């Protein structure tokens, strides 16, 4: 995924499905300078946040 699309998804009121390593995630924040996103898994009971490369995110169509 590119930076512009990640920012669009973050600011969108719609629920846009995004995956990281095959797992559904929610984008919580974007660090433009580092080209990373703060995300958490949608599955499971934990809301543990992880910082990942934006390029490793995949929008599910």
PDB file of N, CA and C in Angstrom:
ATOM      1  N   UNK A   1       0.853  -1.167   0.000  1.00  0.00           N
ATOM      2  CA  UNK A   1       0.000   0.000   0.000  1.00  0.00           C
ATOM      3  C   UNK A   1       0.903   1.235   0.000  1.00  0.00           C
ATOM      4  N   UNK A   2       0.436   2.284  -0.648  1.00  0.00           N
ATOM      5  CA  UNK A   2       1.235   3.505  -0.624  1.00  0.00           C
ATOM      6  C   UNK A   2       0.731   4.456   0.473  1.00  0.00           C
ATOM      7  N   UNK A   3       1.542   5.441   0.778  1.00  0.00           N
ATOM      8  CA  UNK A   3       1.274   6.375   1.874  1.00  0.00           C
ATOM      9  C   UNK A   3      -0.062   7.097   1.687  1.00  0.00           C
ATOM     10  N   UNK A   4      -0.329   7.576   0.469  1.00  0.00           N
ATOM     11  CA  UNK A   4      -1.567   8.324   0.227  1.00  0.00           C
ATOM     12  C   UNK A   4      -2.802   7.482   0.512  1.00  0.00           C
ATOM     13  N   UNK A   5      -2.792   6.224   0.071  1.00  0.00           N
ATOM     14  CA  UNK A   5      -3.955   5.361   0.305  1.00  0.00           C
ATOM     15  C   UNK A   5      -4.116   5.067   1.790  1.00  0.00           C
ATOM     16  N   UNK A   6      -3.029   4.848   2.482  1.00  0.00           N
ATOM     17  CA  UNK A   6      -3.097   4.597   3.926  1.00  0.00           C
ATOM     18  C   UNK A   6      -3.711   5.800   4.641  1.00  0.00           C
ATOM     19  N   UNK A   7      -3.346   7.019   4.247  1.00  0.00           N
ATOM     20  CA  UNK A   7      -3.910   8.225   4.864  1.00  0.00           C
ATOM     21  C   UNK A   7      -5.394   8.355   4.541  1.00  0.00           C
ATOM     22  N   UNK A   8      -5.788   7.992   3.305  1.00  0.00           N
ATOM     23  CA  UNK A   8      -7.204   8.025   2.934  1.00  0.00           C
ATOM     24  C   UNK A   8      -8.016   7.051   3.792  1.00  0.00           C
ATOM     25  N   UNK A   9      -7.489   5.859   3.979  1.00  0.00           N
ATOM     26  CA  UNK A   9      -8.177   4.846   4.781  1.00  0.00           C
ATOM     27  C   UNK A   9      -8.291   5.308   6.228  1.00  0.00           C
ATOM     28  N   UNK A  10      -7.224   5.868   6.771  1.00  0.00           N
ATOM     29  CA  UNK A  10      -7.229   6.339   8.156  1.00  0.00           C
ATOM     30  C   UNK A  10      -8.287   7.418   8.365  1.00  0.00           C
ATOM     31  N   UNK A  11      -8.454   8.312   7.409  1.00  0.00           N
ATOM     32  CA  UNK A  11      -9.388   9.425   7.575  1.00  0.00           C
ATOM     33  C   UNK A  11     -10.806   9.106   7.087  1.00  0.00           C
ATOM     34  N   UNK A  12     -10.991   7.949   6.481  1.00  0.00           N
ATOM     35  CA  UNK A  12     -12.299   7.592   5.939  1.00  0.00           C
ATOM     36  C   UNK A  12     -13.286   7.195   7.034  1.00  0.00           C
ATOM     37  N   UNK A  13     -14.549   7.636   6.895  1.00  0.00           N
ATOM     38  CA  UNK A  13     -15.575   7.197   7.851  1.00  0.00           C
ATOM     39  C   UNK A  13     -16.020   5.755   7.588  1.00  0.00           C
ATOM     40  N   UNK A  14     -15.671   5.217   6.409  1.00  0.00           N
ATOM     41  CA  UNK A  14     -16.055   3.846   6.056  1.00  0.00           C
ATOM     42  C   UNK A  14     -15.122   2.842   6.730  1.00  0.00           C
ATOM     43  N   UNK A  15     -15.614   1.631   6.887  1.00  0.00           N
ATOM     44  CA  UNK A  15     -14.809   0.548   7.438  1.00  0.00           C
ATOM     45  C   UNK A  15     -14.156  -0.179   6.270  1.00  0.00           C
ATOM     46  N   UNK A  16     -12.910   0.164   5.961  1.00  0.00           N
ATOM     47  CA  UNK A  16     -12.188  -0.397   4.822  1.00  0.00           C
ATOM     48  C   UNK A  16     -11.281  -1.506   5.339  1.00  0.00           C
ATOM     49  N   UNK A  17     -11.460  -2.713   4.773  1.00  0.00           N
ATOM     50  CA  UNK A  17     -10.703  -3.866   5.267  1.00  0.00           C
ATOM     51  C   UNK A  17      -9.255  -3.798   4.776  1.00  0.00           C
ATOM     52  N   UNK A  18      -8.332  -3.938   5.738  1.00  0.00           N
ATOM     53  CA  UNK A  18      -6.899  -3.920   5.456  1.00  0.00           C
ATOM     54  C   UNK A  18      -6.276  -5.118   6.162  1.00  0.00           C
ATOM     55  N   UNK A  19      -5.297  -5.734   5.498  1.00  0.00           N
ATOM     56  CA  UNK A  19      -4.609  -6.876   6.091  1.00  0.00           C
ATOM     57  C   UNK A  19      -3.117  -6.614   6.232  1.00  0.00           C
ATOM     58  N   UNK A  20      -2.547  -7.243   7.242  1.00  0.00           N
ATOM     59  CA  UNK A  20      -1.101  -7.268   7.452  1.00  0.00           C
ATOM     60  C   UNK A  20      -0.743  -8.727   7.712  1.00  0.00           C
ATOM     61  N   UNK A  21       0.092  -9.300   6.866  1.00  0.00           N
ATOM     62  CA  UNK A  21       0.472 -10.722   6.964  1.00  0.00           C
ATOM     63  C   UNK A  21      -0.751 -11.633   7.016  1.00  0.00           C
ATOM     64  N   UNK A  22      -1.777 -11.310   6.222  1.00  0.00           N
ATOM     65  CA  UNK A  22      -2.956 -12.147   6.148  1.00  0.00           C
ATOM     66  C   UNK A  22      -3.953 -11.971   7.277  1.00  0.00           C
ATOM     67  N   UNK A  23      -3.677 -11.062   8.216  1.00  0.00           N
ATOM     68  CA  UNK A  23      -4.562 -10.810   9.358  1.00  0.00           C
ATOM     69  C   UNK A  23      -5.268  -9.466   9.171  1.00  0.00           C
ATOM     70  N   UNK A  24      -6.559  -9.421   9.476  1.00  0.00           N
ATOM     71  CA  UNK A  24      -7.297  -8.164   9.397  1.00  0.00           C
ATOM     72  C   UNK A  24      -6.820  -7.225  10.497  1.00  0.00           C
ATOM     73  N   UNK A  25      -6.526  -5.985  10.104  1.00  0.00           N
ATOM     74  CA  UNK A  25      -6.009  -4.994  11.064  1.00  0.00           C
ATOM     75  C   UNK A  25      -6.781  -3.697  10.945  1.00  0.00           C
ATOM     76  N   UNK A  26      -6.589  -2.836  11.940  1.00  0.00           N
ATOM     77  CA  UNK A  26      -7.135  -1.478  11.942  1.00  0.00           C
ATOM     78  C   UNK A  26      -5.951  -0.524  12.010  1.00  0.00           C
ATOM     79  N   UNK A  27      -5.941   0.488  11.147  1.00  0.00           N
ATOM     80  CA  UNK A  27      -4.881   1.496  11.178  1.00  0.00           C
ATOM     81  C   UNK A  27      -5.249   2.536  12.226  1.00  0.00           C
ATOM     82  N   UNK A  28      -4.401   2.678  13.251  1.00  0.00           N
ATOM     83  CA  UNK A  28      -4.639   3.639  14.330  1.00  0.00           C
ATOM     84  C   UNK A  28      -3.964   4.983  14.074  1.00  0.00           C
ATOM     85  N   UNK A  29      -2.806   4.950  13.426  1.00  0.00           N
ATOM     86  CA  UNK A  29      -2.048   6.182  13.196  1.00  0.00           C
ATOM     87  C   UNK A  29      -1.032   5.925  12.097  1.00  0.00           C
ATOM     88  N   UNK A  30      -0.513   7.001  11.534  1.00  0.00           N
ATOM     89  CA  UNK A  30       0.509   6.923  10.489  1.00  0.00           C
ATOM     90  C   UNK A  30       1.681   7.811  10.880  1.00  0.00           C
ATOM     91  N   UNK A  31       2.881   7.275  10.714  1.00  0.00           N
ATOM     92  CA  UNK A  31       4.108   8.045  10.932  1.00  0.00           C
ATOM     93  C   UNK A  31       4.743   8.280   9.562  1.00  0.00           C
ATOM     94  N   UNK A  32       4.393   9.415   8.972  1.00  0.00           N
ATOM     95  CA  UNK A  32       4.843   9.705   7.607  1.00  0.00           C
ATOM     96  C   UNK A  32       6.360   9.692   7.469  1.00  0.00           C
ATOM     97  N   UNK A  33       7.058  10.268   8.417  1.00  0.00           N
ATOM     98  CA  UNK A  33       8.519  10.359   8.317  1.00  0.00           C
ATOM     99  C   UNK A  33       9.171   8.980   8.276  1.00  0.00           C
ATOM    100  N   UNK A  34       8.576   8.024   8.985  1.00  0.00           N
ATOM    101  CA  UNK A  34       9.135   6.669   9.035  1.00  0.00           C
ATOM    102  C   UNK A  34       8.516   5.737   8.001  1.00  0.00           C
ATOM    103  N   UNK A  35       7.449   6.211   7.318  1.00  0.00           N
ATOM    104  CA  UNK A  35       6.688   5.395   6.372  1.00  0.00           C
ATOM    105  C   UNK A  35       6.150   4.137   7.052  1.00  0.00           C
ATOM    106  N   UNK A  36       5.639   4.327   8.280  1.00  0.00           N
ATOM    107  CA  UNK A  36       5.075   3.229   9.040  1.00  0.00           C
ATOM    108  C   UNK A  36       3.669   3.578   9.514  1.00  0.00           C
ATOM    109  N   UNK A  37       2.958   2.544   9.930  1.00  0.00           N
ATOM    110  CA  UNK A  37       1.622   2.716  10.480  1.00  0.00           C
ATOM    111  C   UNK A  37       1.552   2.002  11.820  1.00  0.00           C
ATOM    112  N   UNK A  38       0.796   2.572  12.742  1.00  0.00           N
ATOM    113  CA  UNK A  38       0.495   1.919  14.009  1.00  0.00           C
ATOM    114  C   UNK A  38      -0.826   1.196  13.793  1.00  0.00           C
ATOM    115  N   UNK A  39      -0.834  -0.114  14.003  1.00  0.00           N
ATOM    116  CA  UNK A  39      -2.012  -0.931  13.732  1.00  0.00           C
ATOM    117  C   UNK A  39      -2.305  -1.856  14.907  1.00  0.00           C
ATOM    118  N   UNK A  40      -3.535  -2.381  14.938  1.00  0.00           N
ATOM    119  CA  UNK A  40      -3.843  -3.469  15.865  1.00  0.00           C
ATOM    120  C   UNK A  40      -4.720  -4.484  15.143  1.00  0.00           C
ATOM    121  N   UNK A  41      -4.623  -5.747  15.574  1.00  0.00           N
ATOM    122  CA  UNK A  41      -5.399  -6.836  14.986  1.00  0.00           C
ATOM    123  C   UNK A  41      -6.863  -6.681  15.346  1.00  0.00           C
ATOM    124  N   UNK A  42      -7.739  -7.004  14.413  1.00  0.00           N
ATOM    125  CA  UNK A  42      -9.169  -6.965  14.684  1.00  0.00           C
ATOM    126  C   UNK A  42      -9.631  -8.251  15.360  1.00  0.00           C
ATOM    127  N   UNK A  43      -8.917  -9.346  15.130  1.00  0.00           N
ATOM    128  CA  UNK A  43      -9.287 -10.610  15.763  1.00  0.00           C
ATOM    129  C   UNK A  43      -8.620 -10.713  17.134  1.00  0.00           C
ATOM    130  N   UNK A  44      -9.222 -11.503  17.995  1.00  0.00           N
ATOM    131  CA  UNK A  44      -8.656 -11.674  19.329  1.00  0.00           C
ATOM    132  C   UNK A  44      -9.112 -10.578  20.260  1.00  0.00           C
ATOM    133  N   UNK A  45      -8.896 -10.762  21.534  1.00  0.00           N
ATOM    134  CA  UNK A  45      -9.382  -9.821  22.530  1.00  0.00           C
ATOM    135  C   UNK A  45      -8.433  -8.689  22.846  1.00  0.00           C
ATOM    136  N   UNK A  46      -7.211  -8.742  22.334  1.00  0.00           N
ATOM    137  CA  UNK A  46      -6.220  -7.730  22.681  1.00  0.00           C
ATOM    138  C   UNK A  46      -6.233  -6.572  21.692  1.00  0.00           C
ATOM    139  N   UNK A  47      -5.931  -5.398  22.173  1.00  0.00           N
ATOM    140  CA  UNK A  47      -5.816  -4.207  21.307  1.00  0.00           C
ATOM    141  C   UNK A  47      -4.349  -3.774  21.240  1.00  0.00           C
ATOM    142  N   UNK A  48      -3.453  -4.750  21.352  1.00  0.00           N
ATOM    143  CA  UNK A  48      -2.021  -4.451  21.311  1.00  0.00           C
ATOM    144  C   UNK A  48      -1.665  -3.822  19.975  1.00  0.00           C
ATOM    145  N   UNK A  49      -0.952  -2.713  20.036  1.00  0.00           N
ATOM    146  CA  UNK A  49      -0.595  -1.971  18.828  1.00  0.00           C
ATOM    147  C   UNK A  49       0.819  -2.327  18.396  1.00  0.00           C
ATOM    148  N   UNK A  50       1.004  -2.352  17.083  1.00  0.00           N
ATOM    149  CA  UNK A  50       2.284  -2.693  16.471  1.00  0.00           C
ATOM    150  C   UNK A  50       2.593  -1.672  15.392  1.00  0.00           C
ATOM    151  N   UNK A  51       3.861  -1.353  15.235  1.00  0.00           N
ATOM    152  CA  UNK A  51       4.295  -0.451  14.165  1.00  0.00           C
ATOM    153  C   UNK A  51       4.805  -1.287  12.997  1.00  0.00           C
ATOM    154  N   UNK A  52       4.241  -1.059  11.804  1.00  0.00           N
ATOM    155  CA  UNK A  52       4.589  -1.847  10.624  1.00  0.00           C
ATOM    156  C   UNK A  52       4.849  -0.923   9.439  1.00  0.00           C
ATOM    157  N   UNK A  53       5.580  -1.444   8.452  1.00  0.00           N
ATOM    158  CA  UNK A  53       5.813  -0.690   7.220  1.00  0.00           C
ATOM    159  C   UNK A  53       4.504  -0.563   6.452  1.00  0.00           C
ATOM    160  N   UNK A  54       4.213   0.629   5.974  1.00  0.00           N
ATOM    161  CA  UNK A  54       2.984   0.853   5.217  1.00  0.00           C
ATOM    162  C   UNK A  54       2.963  -0.011   3.959  1.00  0.00           C
ATOM    163  N   UNK A  55       4.111  -0.225   3.353  1.00  0.00           N
ATOM    164  CA  UNK A  55       4.170  -1.036   2.131  1.00  0.00           C
ATOM    165  C   UNK A  55       3.740  -2.475   2.377  1.00  0.00           C
ATOM    166  N   UNK A  56       3.760  -2.939   3.642  1.00  0.00           N
ATOM    167  CA  UNK A  56       3.382  -4.325   3.943  1.00  0.00           C
ATOM    168  C   UNK A  56       1.869  -4.469   4.172  1.00  0.00           C
ATOM    169  N   UNK A  57       1.128  -3.360   4.124  1.00  0.00           N
ATOM    170  CA  UNK A  57      -0.321  -3.409   4.305  1.00  0.00           C
ATOM    171  C   UNK A  57      -0.995  -3.668   2.963  1.00  0.00           C
ATOM    172  N   UNK A  58      -2.115  -4.401   3.019  1.00  0.00           N
ATOM    173  CA  UNK A  58      -2.836  -4.737   1.785  1.00  0.00           C
ATOM    174  C   UNK A  58      -4.326  -4.443   1.986  1.00  0.00           C
ATOM    175  N   UNK A  59      -4.866  -3.645   1.078  1.00  0.00           N
ATOM    176  CA  UNK A  59      -6.308  -3.379   1.107  1.00  0.00           C
ATOM    177  C   UNK A  59      -7.027  -4.577   0.500  1.00  0.00           C
ATOM    178  N   UNK A  60      -8.084  -5.030   1.179  1.00  0.00           N
ATOM    179  CA  UNK A  60      -8.868  -6.173   0.710  1.00  0.00           C
ATOM    180  C   UNK A  60     -10.055  -5.646  -0.076  1.00  0.00           C
ATOM    181  N   UNK A  61     -10.189  -6.097  -1.319  1.00  0.00           N
ATOM    182  CA  UNK A  61     -11.283  -5.612  -2.184  1.00  0.00           C
ATOM    183  C   UNK A  61     -12.399  -6.600  -2.227  1.00  0.00           C
TER     184      UNK A  61
END
